[in-house]
Amino acid sequence: QVQLVESGGGLVQAGGSLRLSCAASGRTFSSYAMGWFRQAPGKGREFVQGISWSGTNTYTADPVKGRFSITRDNSKNTVYLQMNSLKPQDTAVYYCAAGAGYSGSPRAYNYWGQGTPVTVSS
């Protein structure tokens, strides 16, 4: 069992940066791949980035390539999402998730956090 708690969301102007954190409970964090998803108002959940259990491999959705970066620190049971050059269309609730593989499909993830809202103003 893994419990996930996101933090770091907020209001930022277009072009700005935010770093989201996702803290995990449980001693098995390092055995899970992790992913970040987002859900904008009125839209479905969208994959953002995923990272393998070791942190060696990552997978990034096209809309955020070159702007967002996912990393993890297994010694701190935490995964991060660094978001740069933010755009109004990045506005969404951001969720972290844990699963067996860093797939872009939500169905690959077994555990989800409650989400942290990000609002990018123009």
C-alpha atoms as a PDB file:
ATOM      1  CA  GLN A   1       0.000   0.000   0.000  1.00  0.00           C
ATOM      2  CA  VAL A   2       1.283   3.462  -0.923  1.00  0.00           C
ATOM      3  CA  GLN A   3      -0.213   6.782   0.102  1.00  0.00           C
ATOM      4  CA  LEU A   4       0.652   9.837  -1.961  1.00  0.00           C
ATOM      5  CA  VAL A   5       0.409  13.505  -1.007  1.00  0.00           C
ATOM      6  CA  GLU A   6       1.063  16.253  -3.549  1.00  0.00           C
ATOM      7  CA  SER A   7       2.142  19.786  -2.718  1.00  0.00           C
ATOM      8  CA  GLY A   8       3.553  22.860  -4.412  1.00  0.00           C
ATOM      9  CA  GLY A   9       0.634  23.946  -6.543  1.00  0.00           C
ATOM     10  CA  GLY A  10      -0.577  27.518  -6.703  1.00  0.00           C
ATOM     11  CA  LEU A  11      -1.106  30.575  -8.848  1.00  0.00           C
ATOM     12  CA  VAL A  12       1.662  31.671 -11.206  1.00  0.00           C
ATOM     13  CA  GLN A  13       1.907  34.027 -14.146  1.00  0.00           C
ATOM     14  CA  ALA A  14       2.519  32.729 -17.659  1.00  0.00           C
ATOM     15  CA  GLY A  15       6.208  32.140 -18.204  1.00  0.00           C
ATOM     16  CA  GLY A  16       6.794  31.361 -14.554  1.00  0.00           C
ATOM     17  CA  SER A  17       7.833  28.177 -12.800  1.00  0.00           C
ATOM     18  CA  LEU A  18       6.562  25.852 -10.104  1.00  0.00           C
ATOM     19  CA  ARG A  19       7.902  22.679  -8.561  1.00  0.00           C
ATOM     20  CA  LEU A  20       5.418  20.081  -7.443  1.00  0.00           C
ATOM     21  CA  SER A  21       6.305  17.424  -4.904  1.00  0.00           C
ATOM     22  CA  CYS A  22       4.680  14.101  -4.189  1.00  0.00           C
ATOM     23  CA  ALA A  23       5.554  12.468  -0.893  1.00  0.00           C
ATOM     24  CA  ALA A  24       4.898   8.769  -0.543  1.00  0.00           C
ATOM     25  CA  SER A  25       4.407   6.689   2.551  1.00  0.00           C
ATOM     26  CA  GLY A  26       5.555   3.110   2.807  1.00  0.00           C
ATOM     27  CA  ARG A  27       8.881   1.379   2.477  1.00  0.00           C
ATOM     28  CA  THR A  28       8.224   0.132  -1.060  1.00  0.00           C
ATOM     29  CA  PHE A  29       8.272   3.506  -2.822  1.00  0.00           C
ATOM     30  CA  SER A  30      11.475   2.694  -4.672  1.00  0.00           C
ATOM     31  CA  SER A  31       9.873  -0.346  -6.282  1.00  0.00           C
ATOM     32  CA  TYR A  32       7.188   1.714  -8.036  1.00  0.00           C
ATOM     33  CA  ALA A  33       7.268   3.679 -11.226  1.00  0.00           C
ATOM     34  CA  MET A  34       5.724   7.105 -10.746  1.00  0.00           C
ATOM     35  CA  GLY A  35       3.702   9.356 -12.949  1.00  0.00           C
ATOM     36  CA  TRP A  36       2.233  12.830 -13.031  1.00  0.00           C
ATOM     37  CA  PHE A  37      -1.163  13.450 -14.582  1.00  0.00           C
ATOM     38  CA  ARG A  38      -3.339  16.522 -14.808  1.00  0.00           C
ATOM     39  CA  GLN A  39      -7.002  17.273 -15.230  1.00  0.00           C
ATOM     40  CA  ALA A  40      -8.261  20.603 -16.467  1.00  0.00           C
ATOM     41  CA  PRO A  41     -11.845  21.733 -15.765  1.00  0.00           C
ATOM     42  CA  GLY A  42     -14.273  19.856 -17.967  1.00  0.00           C
ATOM     43  CA  LYS A  43     -11.592  17.585 -19.426  1.00  0.00           C
ATOM     44  CA  GLY A  44     -10.314  14.086 -18.845  1.00  0.00           C
ATOM     45  CA  ARG A  45      -7.186  13.092 -16.972  1.00  0.00           C
ATOM     46  CA  GLU A  46      -4.094  13.665 -19.095  1.00  0.00           C
ATOM     47  CA  PHE A  47      -0.682  12.065 -18.738  1.00  0.00           C
ATOM     48  CA  VAL A  48       2.192  14.501 -18.161  1.00  0.00           C
ATOM     49  CA  GLN A  49       5.354  12.583 -17.289  1.00  0.00           C
ATOM     50  CA  GLY A  50       6.449   9.228 -15.912  1.00  0.00           C
ATOM     51  CA  ILE A  51       9.638   7.932 -14.346  1.00  0.00           C
ATOM     52  CA  SER A  52      10.952   4.425 -13.741  1.00  0.00           C
ATOM     53  CA  TRP A  53      11.543   3.062 -10.243  1.00  0.00           C
ATOM     54  CA  SER A  54      15.276   3.804 -10.507  1.00  0.00           C
ATOM     55  CA  GLY A  55      14.857   7.226 -12.057  1.00  0.00           C
ATOM     56  CA  THR A  56      16.868   6.168 -15.077  1.00  0.00           C
ATOM     57  CA  ASN A  57      14.059   6.314 -17.606  1.00  0.00           C
ATOM     58  CA  THR A  58      11.424   8.946 -18.164  1.00  0.00           C
ATOM     59  CA  TYR A  59       8.499   9.372 -20.535  1.00  0.00           C
ATOM     60  CA  THR A  60       7.077  12.778 -21.428  1.00  0.00           C
ATOM     61  CA  ALA A  61       3.885  13.908 -23.094  1.00  0.00           C
ATOM     62  CA  ASP A  62       4.369  16.148 -26.113  1.00  0.00           C
ATOM     63  CA  PRO A  63       2.614  19.253 -24.693  1.00  0.00           C
ATOM     64  CA  VAL A  64       5.194  19.599 -21.925  1.00  0.00           C
ATOM     65  CA  LYS A  65       8.379  18.452 -23.648  1.00  0.00           C
ATOM     66  CA  GLY A  66      11.231  20.835 -23.051  1.00  0.00           C
ATOM     67  CA  ARG A  67       9.357  22.619 -20.255  1.00  0.00           C
ATOM     68  CA  PHE A  68       8.640  20.037 -17.546  1.00  0.00           C
ATOM     69  CA  SER A  69      11.022  17.650 -15.836  1.00  0.00           C
ATOM     70  CA  ILE A  70      10.285  14.693 -13.563  1.00  0.00           C
ATOM     71  CA  THR A  71      12.770  13.458 -10.992  1.00  0.00           C
ATOM     72  CA  ARG A  72      12.651  11.300  -7.901  1.00  0.00           C
ATOM     73  CA  ASP A  73      14.594  10.895  -4.674  1.00  0.00           C
ATOM     74  CA  ASN A  74      14.061   7.395  -3.343  1.00  0.00           C
ATOM     75  CA  SER A  75      15.880   8.248  -0.117  1.00  0.00           C
ATOM     76  CA  LYS A  76      13.137  10.801   0.580  1.00  0.00           C
ATOM     77  CA  ASN A  77      10.241   8.811  -0.910  1.00  0.00           C
ATOM     78  CA  THR A  78       9.469  11.811  -3.093  1.00  0.00           C
ATOM     79  CA  VAL A  79       8.903  12.508  -6.765  1.00  0.00           C
ATOM     80  CA  TYR A  80       9.075  15.992  -8.226  1.00  0.00           C
ATOM     81  CA  LEU A  81       7.675  17.793 -11.233  1.00  0.00           C
ATOM     82  CA  GLN A  82       9.601  20.895 -12.222  1.00  0.00           C
ATOM     83  CA  MET A  83       7.432  23.056 -14.457  1.00  0.00           C
ATOM     84  CA  ASN A  84       9.023  25.907 -16.383  1.00  0.00           C
ATOM     85  CA  SER A  85       7.708  28.310 -19.010  1.00  0.00           C
ATOM     86  CA  LEU A  86       4.189  27.728 -17.795  1.00  0.00           C
ATOM     87  CA  LYS A  87       1.269  28.518 -20.063  1.00  0.00           C
ATOM     88  CA  PRO A  88      -2.388  29.203 -19.266  1.00  0.00           C
ATOM     89  CA  GLN A  89      -3.254  25.854 -20.861  1.00  0.00           C
ATOM     90  CA  ASP A  90      -1.206  24.135 -18.148  1.00  0.00           C
ATOM     91  CA  THR A  91      -3.905  25.128 -15.667  1.00  0.00           C
ATOM     92  CA  ALA A  92      -5.213  21.937 -14.063  1.00  0.00           C
ATOM     93  CA  VAL A  93      -5.243  19.818 -10.963  1.00  0.00           C
ATOM     94  CA  TYR A  94      -2.025  17.797 -10.941  1.00  0.00           C
ATOM     95  CA  TYR A  95      -1.978  14.262  -9.591  1.00  0.00           C
ATOM     96  CA  CYS A  96       0.875  11.904  -8.866  1.00  0.00           C
ATOM     97  CA  ALA A  97       0.429   8.171  -9.180  1.00  0.00           C
ATOM     98  CA  ALA A  98       2.370   4.985  -8.446  1.00  0.00           C
ATOM     99  CA  GLY A  99       2.333   1.821 -10.516  1.00  0.00           C
ATOM    100  CA  ALA A 100       4.266  -1.024 -12.030  1.00  0.00           C
ATOM    101  CA  GLY A 101       5.398   0.914 -15.092  1.00  0.00           C
ATOM    102  CA  TYR A 102       5.700   4.529 -16.164  1.00  0.00           C
ATOM    103  CA  SER A 103       3.046   4.231 -18.832  1.00  0.00           C
ATOM    104  CA  GLY A 104       1.009   7.090 -20.165  1.00  0.00           C
ATOM    105  CA  SER A 105      -2.207   5.244 -19.339  1.00  0.00           C
ATOM    106  CA  PRO A 106      -3.926   5.951 -16.005  1.00  0.00           C
ATOM    107  CA  ARG A 107      -4.861   2.255 -15.867  1.00  0.00           C
ATOM    108  CA  ALA A 108      -1.196   1.372 -15.301  1.00  0.00           C
ATOM    109  CA  TYR A 109      -1.211   3.103 -11.931  1.00  0.00           C
ATOM    110  CA  ASN A 110      -2.596   1.618  -8.743  1.00  0.00           C
ATOM    111  CA  TYR A 111      -2.268   4.480  -6.278  1.00  0.00           C
ATOM    112  CA  TRP A 112      -3.211   8.130  -6.633  1.00  0.00           C
ATOM    113  CA  GLY A 113      -2.818  11.283  -4.630  1.00  0.00           C
ATOM    114  CA  GLN A 114      -5.563  13.828  -4.018  1.00  0.00           C
ATOM    115  CA  GLY A 115      -4.101  16.367  -6.404  1.00  0.00           C
ATOM    116  CA  THR A 116      -2.737  19.882  -6.161  1.00  0.00           C
ATOM    117  CA  PRO A 117      -4.190  22.740  -8.224  1.00  0.00           C
ATOM    118  CA  VAL A 118      -2.080  24.812 -10.570  1.00  0.00           C
ATOM    119  CA  THR A 119      -3.415  28.012 -12.104  1.00  0.00           C
ATOM    120  CA  VAL A 120      -1.446  29.896 -14.745  1.00  0.00           C
ATOM    121  CA  SER A 121      -2.657  33.413 -15.433  1.00  0.00           C
ATOM    122  CA  SER A 122      -2.075  35.180 -18.741  1.00  0.00           C
END
